[in-house]
């Protein structure tokens, strides 16, 4: 299964953006899907995840501003981002986590750039 991220771009502070992650197969093949981001000079960090059962998890820095969701019919996971600040500037990566015989495997999309600037 391949993951294709899209939706990044340039947005002004306070603005909104929606990222999409389309899977080439069923998103239910993954135990969990989510979004990570990596800013220049920083480590990749978790932004938000959603499990097959629908459990949600958010980084503290985005809680209340970002919403992760999925469209099962379209095999797509979304990240709705609002009240964006320059600190949200990063490359955002779609992730799928799959456990096989108890071993976790990570699948990554190609990344999409989000730049928050006036």
PDB file of N, CA and C in Angstrom:
ATOM      1  N   UNK A   1       0.853  -1.197   0.000  1.00  0.00           N
ATOM      2  CA  UNK A   1       0.000   0.000   0.000  1.00  0.00           C
ATOM      3  C   UNK A   1       0.884   1.240   0.000  1.00  0.00           C
ATOM      4  N   UNK A   2       0.594   2.150  -0.911  1.00  0.00           N
ATOM      5  CA  UNK A   2       1.337   3.412  -0.963  1.00  0.00           C
ATOM      6  C   UNK A   2       0.482   4.549  -0.442  1.00  0.00           C
ATOM      7  N   UNK A   3       1.167   5.545   0.123  1.00  0.00           N
ATOM      8  CA  UNK A   3       0.488   6.704   0.678  1.00  0.00           C
ATOM      9  C   UNK A   3       0.890   7.949  -0.101  1.00  0.00           C
ATOM     10  N   UNK A   4      -0.096   8.745  -0.479  1.00  0.00           N
ATOM     11  CA  UNK A   4       0.137   9.949  -1.265  1.00  0.00           C
ATOM     12  C   UNK A   4      -0.428  11.142  -0.517  1.00  0.00           C
ATOM     13  N   UNK A   5       0.466  12.015  -0.051  1.00  0.00           N
ATOM     14  CA  UNK A   5       0.051  13.207   0.682  1.00  0.00           C
ATOM     15  C   UNK A   5      -0.090  14.389  -0.263  1.00  0.00           C
ATOM     16  N   UNK A   6      -1.043  15.249   0.048  1.00  0.00           N
ATOM     17  CA  UNK A   6      -1.247  16.454  -0.758  1.00  0.00           C
ATOM     18  C   UNK A   6      -1.939  17.516   0.085  1.00  0.00           C
ATOM     19  N   UNK A   7      -1.989  18.737  -0.464  1.00  0.00           N
ATOM     20  CA  UNK A   7      -2.720  19.792   0.202  1.00  0.00           C
ATOM     21  C   UNK A   7      -1.890  20.865   0.868  1.00  0.00           C
ATOM     22  N   UNK A   8      -0.584  20.693   0.866  1.00  0.00           N
ATOM     23  CA  UNK A   8       0.270  21.698   1.480  1.00  0.00           C
ATOM     24  C   UNK A   8       0.309  22.980   0.664  1.00  0.00           C
ATOM     25  N   UNK A   9       0.913  23.996   1.253  1.00  0.00           N
ATOM     26  CA  UNK A   9       1.029  25.261   0.554  1.00  0.00           C
ATOM     27  C   UNK A   9       1.418  26.375   1.494  1.00  0.00           C
ATOM     28  N   UNK A  10       1.282  27.579   0.980  1.00  0.00           N
ATOM     29  CA  UNK A  10       1.604  28.784   1.748  1.00  0.00           C
ATOM     30  C   UNK A  10       0.309  29.383   2.287  1.00  0.00           C
ATOM     31  N   UNK A  11       0.294  29.665   3.573  1.00  0.00           N
ATOM     32  CA  UNK A  11      -0.896  30.233   4.197  1.00  0.00           C
ATOM     33  C   UNK A  11      -0.472  31.293   5.201  1.00  0.00           C
ATOM     34  N   UNK A  12      -1.303  32.285   5.385  1.00  0.00           N
ATOM     35  CA  UNK A  12      -0.994  33.352   6.332  1.00  0.00           C
ATOM     36  C   UNK A  12      -1.284  32.900   7.756  1.00  0.00           C
ATOM     37  N   UNK A  13      -0.622  33.479   8.725  1.00  0.00           N
ATOM     38  CA  UNK A  13      -0.924  33.165  10.125  1.00  0.00           C
ATOM     39  C   UNK A  13      -2.399  33.356  10.415  1.00  0.00           C
ATOM     40  N   UNK A  14      -2.952  32.422  11.162  1.00  0.00           N
ATOM     41  CA  UNK A  14      -4.371  32.447  11.457  1.00  0.00           C
ATOM     42  C   UNK A  14      -5.219  31.730  10.434  1.00  0.00           C
ATOM     43  N   UNK A  15      -4.616  31.337   9.326  1.00  0.00           N
ATOM     44  CA  UNK A  15      -5.346  30.684   8.258  1.00  0.00           C
ATOM     45  C   UNK A  15      -5.543  29.198   8.479  1.00  0.00           C
ATOM     46  N   UNK A  16      -6.159  28.573   7.482  1.00  0.00           N
ATOM     47  CA  UNK A  16      -6.473  27.147   7.558  1.00  0.00           C
ATOM     48  C   UNK A  16      -5.985  26.432   6.310  1.00  0.00           C
ATOM     49  N   UNK A  17      -5.799  25.134   6.478  1.00  0.00           N
ATOM     50  CA  UNK A  17      -5.349  24.298   5.372  1.00  0.00           C
ATOM     51  C   UNK A  17      -5.804  22.882   5.660  1.00  0.00           C
ATOM     52  N   UNK A  18      -6.121  22.127   4.627  1.00  0.00           N
ATOM     53  CA  UNK A  18      -6.472  20.720   4.811  1.00  0.00           C
ATOM     54  C   UNK A  18      -5.524  19.838   4.015  1.00  0.00           C
ATOM     55  N   UNK A  19      -4.899  18.925   4.699  1.00  0.00           N
ATOM     56  CA  UNK A  19      -4.030  17.952   4.064  1.00  0.00           C
ATOM     57  C   UNK A  19      -4.799  16.654   3.825  1.00  0.00           C
ATOM     58  N   UNK A  20      -4.441  15.980   2.756  1.00  0.00           N
ATOM     59  CA  UNK A  20      -5.053  14.691   2.440  1.00  0.00           C
ATOM     60  C   UNK A  20      -3.981  13.633   2.283  1.00  0.00           C
ATOM     61  N   UNK A  21      -4.304  12.431   2.694  1.00  0.00           N
ATOM     62  CA  UNK A  21      -3.417  11.287   2.526  1.00  0.00           C
ATOM     63  C   UNK A  21      -4.237  10.166   1.908  1.00  0.00           C
ATOM     64  N   UNK A  22      -3.981   9.910   0.651  1.00  0.00           N
ATOM     65  CA  UNK A  22      -4.716   8.875  -0.063  1.00  0.00           C
ATOM     66  C   UNK A  22      -3.903   7.593  -0.084  1.00  0.00           C
ATOM     67  N   UNK A  23      -4.536   6.506   0.318  1.00  0.00           N
ATOM     68  CA  UNK A  23      -3.876   5.201   0.298  1.00  0.00           C
ATOM     69  C   UNK A  23      -4.263   4.456  -0.977  1.00  0.00           C
ATOM     70  N   UNK A  24      -3.293   3.724  -1.522  1.00  0.00           N
ATOM     71  CA  UNK A  24      -3.564   2.977  -2.751  1.00  0.00           C
ATOM     72  C   UNK A  24      -4.427   1.753  -2.483  1.00  0.00           C
ATOM     73  N   UNK A  25      -4.498   1.358  -1.204  1.00  0.00           N
ATOM     74  CA  UNK A  25      -5.364   0.256  -0.810  1.00  0.00           C
ATOM     75  C   UNK A  25      -6.235   0.671   0.350  1.00  0.00           C
ATOM     76  N   UNK A  26      -6.774  -0.298   1.046  1.00  0.00           N
ATOM     77  CA  UNK A  26      -7.652   0.022   2.170  1.00  0.00           C
ATOM     78  C   UNK A  26      -6.868   0.597   3.348  1.00  0.00           C
ATOM     79  N   UNK A  27      -7.385   1.694   3.903  1.00  0.00           N
ATOM     80  CA  UNK A  27      -6.734   2.270   5.082  1.00  0.00           C
ATOM     81  C   UNK A  27      -6.895   1.357   6.292  1.00  0.00           C
ATOM     82  N   UNK A  28      -7.835   0.419   6.221  1.00  0.00           N
ATOM     83  CA  UNK A  28      -8.026  -0.509   7.331  1.00  0.00           C
ATOM     84  C   UNK A  28      -6.959  -1.601   7.357  1.00  0.00           C
ATOM     85  N   UNK A  29      -6.095  -1.615   6.358  1.00  0.00           N
ATOM     86  CA  UNK A  29      -4.959  -2.525   6.404  1.00  0.00           C
ATOM     87  C   UNK A  29      -3.932  -2.027   7.418  1.00  0.00           C
ATOM     88  N   UNK A  30      -4.075  -0.773   7.842  1.00  0.00           N
ATOM     89  CA  UNK A  30      -3.188  -0.196   8.839  1.00  0.00           C
ATOM     90  C   UNK A  30      -3.873  -0.203  10.206  1.00  0.00           C
ATOM     91  N   UNK A  31      -3.114  -0.477  11.234  1.00  0.00           N
ATOM     92  CA  UNK A  31      -3.638  -0.413  12.599  1.00  0.00           C
ATOM     93  C   UNK A  31      -3.872   1.029  13.023  1.00  0.00           C
ATOM     94  N   UNK A  32      -3.060   1.901  12.476  1.00  0.00           N
ATOM     95  CA  UNK A  32      -3.160   3.306  12.812  1.00  0.00           C
ATOM     96  C   UNK A  32      -2.639   4.145  11.663  1.00  0.00           C
ATOM     97  N   UNK A  33      -3.268   5.287  11.420  1.00  0.00           N
ATOM     98  CA  UNK A  33      -2.749   6.233  10.443  1.00  0.00           C
ATOM     99  C   UNK A  33      -2.592   7.586  11.120  1.00  0.00           C
ATOM    100  N   UNK A  34      -1.712   8.380  10.545  1.00  0.00           N
ATOM    101  CA  UNK A  34      -1.504   9.663  11.185  1.00  0.00           C
ATOM    102  C   UNK A  34      -0.656  10.608  10.369  1.00  0.00           C
ATOM    103  N   UNK A  35      -0.369  11.716  10.997  1.00  0.00           N
ATOM    104  CA  UNK A  35       0.452  12.752  10.391  1.00  0.00           C
ATOM    105  C   UNK A  35       1.608  13.091  11.324  1.00  0.00           C
ATOM    106  N   UNK A  36       2.765  13.250  10.723  1.00  0.00           N
ATOM    107  CA  UNK A  36       3.950  13.714  11.411  1.00  0.00           C
ATOM    108  C   UNK A  36       4.440  14.949  10.664  1.00  0.00           C
ATOM    109  N   UNK A  37       5.306  15.702  11.318  1.00  0.00           N
ATOM    110  CA  UNK A  37       5.902  16.846  10.637  1.00  0.00           C
ATOM    111  C   UNK A  37       7.344  17.010  11.047  1.00  0.00           C
ATOM    112  N   UNK A  38       8.091  17.647  10.152  1.00  0.00           N
ATOM    113  CA  UNK A  38       9.499  17.904  10.424  1.00  0.00           C
ATOM    114  C   UNK A  38       9.836  19.307   9.960  1.00  0.00           C
ATOM    115  N   UNK A  39      10.206  20.131  10.918  1.00  0.00           N
ATOM    116  CA  UNK A  39      10.636  21.493  10.621  1.00  0.00           C
ATOM    117  C   UNK A  39      12.138  21.493  10.377  1.00  0.00           C
ATOM    118  N   UNK A  40      12.650  22.500   9.666  1.00  0.00           N
ATOM    119  CA  UNK A  40      14.098  22.559   9.403  1.00  0.00           C
ATOM    120  C   UNK A  40      14.919  22.508  10.685  1.00  0.00           C
ATOM    121  N   UNK A  41      15.877  21.621  10.723  1.00  0.00           N
ATOM    122  CA  UNK A  41      16.747  21.509  11.884  1.00  0.00           C
ATOM    123  C   UNK A  41      16.152  20.802  13.074  1.00  0.00           C
ATOM    124  N   UNK A  42      14.959  20.257  12.915  1.00  0.00           N
ATOM    125  CA  UNK A  42      14.300  19.583  14.031  1.00  0.00           C
ATOM    126  C   UNK A  42      13.983  18.137  13.662  1.00  0.00           C
ATOM    127  N   UNK A  43      13.714  17.366  14.693  1.00  0.00           N
ATOM    128  CA  UNK A  43      13.340  15.973  14.465  1.00  0.00           C
ATOM    129  C   UNK A  43      11.882  15.872  14.034  1.00  0.00           C
ATOM    130  N   UNK A  44      11.592  14.790  13.355  1.00  0.00           N
ATOM    131  CA  UNK A  44      10.218  14.534  12.964  1.00  0.00           C
ATOM    132  C   UNK A  44       9.388  14.291  14.225  1.00  0.00           C
ATOM    133  N   UNK A  45       8.206  14.881  14.283  1.00  0.00           N
ATOM    134  CA  UNK A  45       7.364  14.742  15.462  1.00  0.00           C
ATOM    135  C   UNK A  45       5.947  14.357  15.074  1.00  0.00           C
ATOM    136  N   UNK A  46       5.308  13.664  15.977  1.00  0.00           N
ATOM    137  CA  UNK A  46       3.933  13.258  15.771  1.00  0.00           C
ATOM    138  C   UNK A  46       3.015  14.462  15.864  1.00  0.00           C
ATOM    139  N   UNK A  47       2.045  14.522  14.943  1.00  0.00           N
ATOM    140  CA  UNK A  47       1.056  15.596  14.968  1.00  0.00           C
ATOM    141  C   UNK A  47      -0.292  15.044  15.427  1.00  0.00           C
ATOM    142  N   UNK A  48      -0.758  14.001  14.746  1.00  0.00           N
ATOM    143  CA  UNK A  48      -2.075  13.437  15.082  1.00  0.00           C
ATOM    144  C   UNK A  48      -2.173  12.030  14.514  1.00  0.00           C
ATOM    145  N   UNK A  49      -2.904  11.173  15.216  1.00  0.00           N
ATOM    146  CA  UNK A  49      -3.122   9.815  14.731  1.00  0.00           C
ATOM    147  C   UNK A  49      -4.574   9.407  14.925  1.00  0.00           C
ATOM    148  N   UNK A  50      -4.974   8.423  14.127  1.00  0.00           N
ATOM    149  CA  UNK A  50      -6.305   7.835  14.249  1.00  0.00           C
ATOM    150  C   UNK A  50      -6.156   6.334  14.066  1.00  0.00           C
ATOM    151  N   UNK A  51      -6.727   5.568  14.993  1.00  0.00           N
ATOM    152  CA  UNK A  51      -6.615   4.119  14.912  1.00  0.00           C
ATOM    153  C   UNK A  51      -7.769   3.542  14.096  1.00  0.00           C
ATOM    154  N   UNK A  52      -7.656   2.263  13.805  1.00  0.00           N
ATOM    155  CA  UNK A  52      -8.719   1.591  13.081  1.00  0.00           C
ATOM    156  C   UNK A  52     -10.036   1.693  13.841  1.00  0.00           C
ATOM    157  N   UNK A  53      -9.947   1.678  15.149  1.00  0.00           N
ATOM    158  CA  UNK A  53     -11.145   1.776  15.986  1.00  0.00           C
ATOM    159  C   UNK A  53     -11.665   3.190  16.152  1.00  0.00           C
ATOM    160  N   UNK A  54     -10.922   4.155  15.618  1.00  0.00           N
ATOM    161  CA  UNK A  54     -11.378   5.538  15.682  1.00  0.00           C
ATOM    162  C   UNK A  54     -10.812   6.362  16.825  1.00  0.00           C
ATOM    163  N   UNK A  55      -9.887   5.792  17.584  1.00  0.00           N
ATOM    164  CA  UNK A  55      -9.270   6.564  18.671  1.00  0.00           C
ATOM    165  C   UNK A  55      -8.347   7.628  18.090  1.00  0.00           C
ATOM    166  N   UNK A  56      -8.425   8.805  18.686  1.00  0.00           N
ATOM    167  CA  UNK A  56      -7.650   9.950  18.196  1.00  0.00           C
ATOM    168  C   UNK A  56      -6.574  10.331  19.210  1.00  0.00           C
ATOM    169  N   UNK A  57      -5.479  10.841  18.674  1.00  0.00           N
ATOM    170  CA  UNK A  57      -4.404  11.335  19.523  1.00  0.00           C
ATOM    171  C   UNK A  57      -3.781  12.550  18.849  1.00  0.00           C
ATOM    172  N   UNK A  58      -3.512  13.577  19.645  1.00  0.00           N
ATOM    173  CA  UNK A  58      -2.948  14.816  19.116  1.00  0.00           C
ATOM    174  C   UNK A  58      -1.740  15.249  19.935  1.00  0.00           C
ATOM    175  N   UNK A  59      -0.808  15.875  19.257  1.00  0.00           N
ATOM    176  CA  UNK A  59       0.270  16.539  19.969  1.00  0.00           C
ATOM    177  C   UNK A  59      -0.325  17.724  20.723  1.00  0.00           C
ATOM    178  N   UNK A  60       0.247  18.017  21.864  1.00  0.00           N
ATOM    179  CA  UNK A  60      -0.274  19.103  22.671  1.00  0.00           C
ATOM    180  C   UNK A  60      -0.275  20.438  21.946  1.00  0.00           C
ATOM    181  N   UNK A  61       0.716  20.635  21.077  1.00  0.00           N
ATOM    182  CA  UNK A  61       0.860  21.908  20.385  1.00  0.00           C
ATOM    183  C   UNK A  61      -0.228  22.150  19.338  1.00  0.00           C
ATOM    184  N   UNK A  62      -0.921  21.100  18.928  1.00  0.00           N
ATOM    185  CA  UNK A  62      -1.949  21.268  17.890  1.00  0.00           C
ATOM    186  C   UNK A  62      -3.347  20.971  18.392  1.00  0.00           C
ATOM    187  N   UNK A  63      -3.454  20.497  19.614  1.00  0.00           N
ATOM    188  CA  UNK A  63      -4.760  20.131  20.160  1.00  0.00           C
ATOM    189  C   UNK A  63      -5.683  21.340  20.170  1.00  0.00           C
ATOM    190  N   UNK A  64      -6.879  21.148  19.665  1.00  0.00           N
ATOM    191  CA  UNK A  64      -7.845  22.235  19.588  1.00  0.00           C
ATOM    192  C   UNK A  64      -7.758  23.035  18.305  1.00  0.00           C
ATOM    193  N   UNK A  65      -6.688  22.833  17.537  1.00  0.00           N
ATOM    194  CA  UNK A  65      -6.528  23.561  16.276  1.00  0.00           C
ATOM    195  C   UNK A  65      -6.568  22.631  15.058  1.00  0.00           C
ATOM    196  N   UNK A  66      -6.083  21.420  15.242  1.00  0.00           N
ATOM    197  CA  UNK A  66      -6.014  20.452  14.152  1.00  0.00           C
ATOM    198  C   UNK A  66      -7.016  19.329  14.409  1.00  0.00           C
ATOM    199  N   UNK A  67      -7.559  18.801  13.328  1.00  0.00           N
ATOM    200  CA  UNK A  67      -8.491  17.675  13.427  1.00  0.00           C
ATOM    201  C   UNK A  67      -8.126  16.620  12.396  1.00  0.00           C
ATOM    202  N   UNK A  68      -7.924  15.406  12.863  1.00  0.00           N
ATOM    203  CA  UNK A  68      -7.663  14.292  11.954  1.00  0.00           C
ATOM    204  C   UNK A  68      -8.964  13.533  11.739  1.00  0.00           C
ATOM    205  N   UNK A  69      -9.158  13.111  10.507  1.00  0.00           N
ATOM    206  CA  UNK A  69     -10.377  12.356  10.196  1.00  0.00           C
ATOM    207  C   UNK A  69     -10.088  11.435   9.020  1.00  0.00           C
ATOM    208  N   UNK A  70     -11.045  10.605   8.678  1.00  0.00           N
ATOM    209  CA  UNK A  70     -10.836   9.692   7.561  1.00  0.00           C
ATOM    210  C   UNK A  70     -12.144   9.500   6.801  1.00  0.00           C
ATOM    211  N   UNK A  71     -11.970   9.183   5.532  1.00  0.00           N
ATOM    212  CA  UNK A  71     -13.087   8.805   4.676  1.00  0.00           C
ATOM    213  C   UNK A  71     -12.815   7.381   4.227  1.00  0.00           C
ATOM    214  N   UNK A  72     -13.510   6.447   4.819  1.00  0.00           N
ATOM    215  CA  UNK A  72     -13.228   5.040   4.545  1.00  0.00           C
ATOM    216  C   UNK A  72     -13.479   4.676   3.085  1.00  0.00           C
ATOM    217  N   UNK A  73     -14.522   5.241   2.516  1.00  0.00           N
ATOM    218  CA  UNK A  73     -14.856   4.923   1.127  1.00  0.00           C
ATOM    219  C   UNK A  73     -13.786   5.404   0.162  1.00  0.00           C
ATOM    220  N   UNK A  74     -13.123   6.505   0.511  1.00  0.00           N
ATOM    221  CA  UNK A  74     -12.083   7.056  -0.352  1.00  0.00           C
ATOM    222  C   UNK A  74     -10.684   6.612   0.069  1.00  0.00           C
ATOM    223  N   UNK A  75     -10.611   5.813   1.145  1.00  0.00           N
ATOM    224  CA  UNK A  75      -9.301   5.377   1.653  1.00  0.00           C
ATOM    225  C   UNK A  75      -8.368   6.572   1.851  1.00  0.00           C
ATOM    226  N   UNK A  76      -8.902   7.596   2.464  1.00  0.00           N
ATOM    227  CA  UNK A  76      -8.170   8.838   2.628  1.00  0.00           C
ATOM    228  C   UNK A  76      -8.272   9.325   4.071  1.00  0.00           C
ATOM    229  N   UNK A  77      -7.163   9.819   4.563  1.00  0.00           N
ATOM    230  CA  UNK A  77      -7.102  10.432   5.884  1.00  0.00           C
ATOM    231  C   UNK A  77      -6.804  11.915   5.691  1.00  0.00           C
ATOM    232  N   UNK A  78      -7.467  12.734   6.490  1.00  0.00           N
ATOM    233  CA  UNK A  78      -7.325  14.182   6.363  1.00  0.00           C
ATOM    234  C   UNK A  78      -6.740  14.782   7.643  1.00  0.00           C
ATOM    235  N   UNK A  79      -6.124  15.926   7.464  1.00  0.00           N
ATOM    236  CA  UNK A  79      -5.704  16.719   8.607  1.00  0.00           C
ATOM    237  C   UNK A  79      -6.181  18.141   8.342  1.00  0.00           C
ATOM    238  N   UNK A  80      -7.208  18.540   9.058  1.00  0.00           N
ATOM    239  CA  UNK A  80      -7.719  19.903   8.964  1.00  0.00           C
ATOM    240  C   UNK A  80      -6.958  20.758   9.967  1.00  0.00           C
ATOM    241  N   UNK A  81      -6.288  21.770   9.457  1.00  0.00           N
ATOM    242  CA  UNK A  81      -5.474  22.620  10.302  1.00  0.00           C
ATOM    243  C   UNK A  81      -6.050  24.034  10.314  1.00  0.00           C
ATOM    244  N   UNK A  82      -6.215  24.600  11.476  1.00  0.00           N
ATOM    245  CA  UNK A  82      -6.725  25.960  11.586  1.00  0.00           C
ATOM    246  C   UNK A  82      -5.889  26.743  12.594  1.00  0.00           C
ATOM    247  N   UNK A  83      -6.105  28.050  12.620  1.00  0.00           N
ATOM    248  CA  UNK A  83      -5.343  28.943  13.509  1.00  0.00           C
ATOM    249  C   UNK A  83      -3.852  28.682  13.382  1.00  0.00           C
ATOM    250  N   UNK A  84      -3.406  28.571  12.154  1.00  0.00           N
ATOM    251  CA  UNK A  84      -2.006  28.227  11.896  1.00  0.00           C
ATOM    252  C   UNK A  84      -1.079  29.356  12.322  1.00  0.00           C
ATOM    253  N   UNK A  85       0.074  28.962  12.816  1.00  0.00           N
ATOM    254  CA  UNK A  85       1.115  29.914  13.210  1.00  0.00           C
ATOM    255  C   UNK A  85       2.399  29.562  12.479  1.00  0.00           C
ATOM    256  N   UNK A  86       3.371  30.472  12.461  1.00  0.00           N
ATOM    257  CA  UNK A  86       4.655  30.156  11.816  1.00  0.00           C
ATOM    258  C   UNK A  86       5.325  28.906  12.402  1.00  0.00           C
ATOM    259  N   UNK A  87       5.030  28.585  13.651  1.00  0.00           N
ATOM    260  CA  UNK A  87       5.607  27.383  14.259  1.00  0.00           C
ATOM    261  C   UNK A  87       5.072  26.101  13.640  1.00  0.00           C
ATOM    262  N   UNK A  88       4.002  26.199  12.892  1.00  0.00           N
ATOM    263  CA  UNK A  88       3.455  25.024  12.206  1.00  0.00           C
ATOM    264  C   UNK A  88       4.134  24.768  10.861  1.00  0.00           C
ATOM    265  N   UNK A  89       5.017  25.651  10.465  1.00  0.00           N
ATOM    266  CA  UNK A  89       5.744  25.481   9.212  1.00  0.00           C
ATOM    267  C   UNK A  89       6.624  24.239   9.284  1.00  0.00           C
ATOM    268  N   UNK A  90       6.423  23.339   8.333  1.00  0.00           N
ATOM    269  CA  UNK A  90       7.158  22.072   8.320  1.00  0.00           C
ATOM    270  C   UNK A  90       6.761  21.280   7.082  1.00  0.00           C
ATOM    271  N   UNK A  91       7.495  20.213   6.860  1.00  0.00           N
ATOM    272  CA  UNK A  91       7.050  19.212   5.889  1.00  0.00           C
ATOM    273  C   UNK A  91       6.187  18.218   6.652  1.00  0.00           C
ATOM    274  N   UNK A  92       5.002  17.991   6.162  1.00  0.00           N
ATOM    275  CA  UNK A  92       4.063  17.090   6.825  1.00  0.00           C
ATOM    276  C   UNK A  92       4.051  15.752   6.094  1.00  0.00           C
ATOM    277  N   UNK A  93       4.178  14.698   6.880  1.00  0.00           N
ATOM    278  CA  UNK A  93       4.249  13.355   6.325  1.00  0.00           C
ATOM    279  C   UNK A  93       3.056  12.524   6.790  1.00  0.00           C
ATOM    280  N   UNK A  94       2.489  11.826   5.855  1.00  0.00           N
ATOM    281  CA  UNK A  94       1.446  10.860   6.175  1.00  0.00           C
ATOM    282  C   UNK A  94       2.099   9.551   6.595  1.00  0.00           C
ATOM    283  N   UNK A  95       1.523   8.916   7.579  1.00  0.00           N
ATOM    284  CA  UNK A  95       2.095   7.674   8.104  1.00  0.00           C
ATOM    285  C   UNK A  95       1.025   6.610   8.281  1.00  0.00           C
ATOM    286  N   UNK A  96       1.411   5.389   7.974  1.00  0.00           N
ATOM    287  CA  UNK A  96       0.551   4.252   8.261  1.00  0.00           C
ATOM    288  C   UNK A  96       1.339   3.240   9.068  1.00  0.00           C
ATOM    289  N   UNK A  97       0.788   2.795  10.157  1.00  0.00           N
ATOM    290  CA  UNK A  97       1.452   1.829  11.038  1.00  0.00           C
ATOM    291  C   UNK A  97       0.721   0.496  10.946  1.00  0.00           C
ATOM    292  N   UNK A  98       1.507  -0.543  10.696  1.00  0.00           N
ATOM    293  CA  UNK A  98       0.919  -1.869  10.526  1.00  0.00           C
ATOM    294  C   UNK A  98       1.699  -2.862  11.378  1.00  0.00           C
ATOM    295  N   UNK A  99       0.985  -3.639  12.159  1.00  0.00           N
ATOM    296  CA  UNK A  99       1.627  -4.686  12.939  1.00  0.00           C
ATOM    297  C   UNK A  99       1.493  -6.016  12.205  1.00  0.00           C
ATOM    298  N   UNK A 100       2.630  -6.677  12.033  1.00  0.00           N
ATOM    299  CA  UNK A 100       2.642  -7.985  11.396  1.00  0.00           C
ATOM    300  C   UNK A 100       3.396  -8.947  12.302  1.00  0.00           C
ATOM    301  N   UNK A 101       2.666  -9.920  12.813  1.00  0.00           N
ATOM    302  CA  UNK A 101       3.204 -10.882  13.781  1.00  0.00           C
ATOM    303  C   UNK A 101       3.849 -10.119  14.941  1.00  0.00           C
ATOM    304  N   UNK A 102       3.154  -9.059  15.363  1.00  0.00           N
ATOM    305  CA  UNK A 102       3.607  -8.303  16.516  1.00  0.00           C
ATOM    306  C   UNK A 102       4.714  -7.308  16.237  1.00  0.00           C
ATOM    307  N   UNK A 103       5.194  -7.255  15.012  1.00  0.00           N
ATOM    308  CA  UNK A 103       6.280  -6.335  14.659  1.00  0.00           C
ATOM    309  C   UNK A 103       5.690  -5.119  13.955  1.00  0.00           C
ATOM    310  N   UNK A 104       6.006  -3.907  14.444  1.00  0.00           N
ATOM    311  CA  UNK A 104       5.454  -2.715  13.801  1.00  0.00           C
ATOM    312  C   UNK A 104       6.224  -2.329  12.541  1.00  0.00           C
ATOM    313  N   UNK A 105       5.483  -1.963  11.534  1.00  0.00           N
ATOM    314  CA  UNK A 105       6.069  -1.475  10.282  1.00  0.00           C
ATOM    315  C   UNK A 105       5.455  -0.114   9.961  1.00  0.00           C
ATOM    316  N   UNK A 106       6.310   0.828   9.651  1.00  0.00           N
ATOM    317  CA  UNK A 106       5.870   2.172   9.290  1.00  0.00           C
ATOM    318  C   UNK A 106       5.910   2.350   7.779  1.00  0.00           C
ATOM    319  N   UNK A 107       4.853   2.944   7.264  1.00  0.00           N
ATOM    320  CA  UNK A 107       4.785   3.309   5.854  1.00  0.00           C
ATOM    321  C   UNK A 107       4.646   4.835   5.786  1.00  0.00           C
ATOM    322  N   UNK A 108       5.380   5.435   4.871  1.00  0.00           N
ATOM    323  CA  UNK A 108       5.408   6.899   4.798  1.00  0.00           C
ATOM    324  C   UNK A 108       5.016   7.399   3.418  1.00  0.00           C
ATOM    325  N   UNK A 109       4.280   8.504   3.409  1.00  0.00           N
ATOM    326  CA  UNK A 109       4.041   9.235   2.183  1.00  0.00           C
ATOM    327  C   UNK A 109       5.239  10.124   1.889  1.00  0.00           C
ATOM    328  N   UNK A 110       5.168  10.849   0.804  1.00  0.00           N
ATOM    329  CA  UNK A 110       6.325  11.608   0.332  1.00  0.00           C
ATOM    330  C   UNK A 110       6.487  12.957   1.022  1.00  0.00           C
ATOM    331  N   UNK A 111       5.532  13.406   1.787  1.00  0.00           N
ATOM    332  CA  UNK A 111       5.648  14.694   2.471  1.00  0.00           C
ATOM    333  C   UNK A 111       5.064  15.825   1.647  1.00  0.00           C
ATOM    334  N   UNK A 112       4.471  16.769   2.337  1.00  0.00           N
ATOM    335  CA  UNK A 112       3.933  17.954   1.683  1.00  0.00           C
ATOM    336  C   UNK A 112       4.294  19.175   2.522  1.00  0.00           C
ATOM    337  N   UNK A 113       4.788  20.202   1.873  1.00  0.00           N
ATOM    338  CA  UNK A 113       5.294  21.380   2.579  1.00  0.00           C
ATOM    339  C   UNK A 113       4.150  22.301   2.995  1.00  0.00           C
ATOM    340  N   UNK A 114       4.169  22.689   4.258  1.00  0.00           N
ATOM    341  CA  UNK A 114       3.240  23.692   4.781  1.00  0.00           C
ATOM    342  C   UNK A 114       4.080  24.860   5.275  1.00  0.00           C
ATOM    343  N   UNK A 115       3.821  26.030   4.732  1.00  0.00           N
ATOM    344  CA  UNK A 115       4.532  27.245   5.133  1.00  0.00           C
ATOM    345  C   UNK A 115       3.529  28.272   5.622  1.00  0.00           C
ATOM    346  N   UNK A 116       3.720  28.712   6.850  1.00  0.00           N
ATOM    347  CA  UNK A 116       2.832  29.711   7.444  1.00  0.00           C
ATOM    348  C   UNK A 116       3.630  31.010   7.560  1.00  0.00           C
ATOM    349  N   UNK A 117       3.244  31.980   6.765  1.00  0.00           N
ATOM    350  CA  UNK A 117       4.005  33.224   6.713  1.00  0.00           C
ATOM    351  C   UNK A 117       3.136  34.338   6.158  1.00  0.00           C
ATOM    352  N   UNK A 118       3.405  35.541   6.638  1.00  0.00           N
ATOM    353  CA  UNK A 118       2.703  36.707   6.100  1.00  0.00           C
ATOM    354  C   UNK A 118       3.510  37.340   4.973  1.00  0.00           C
TER     355      UNK A 118
END
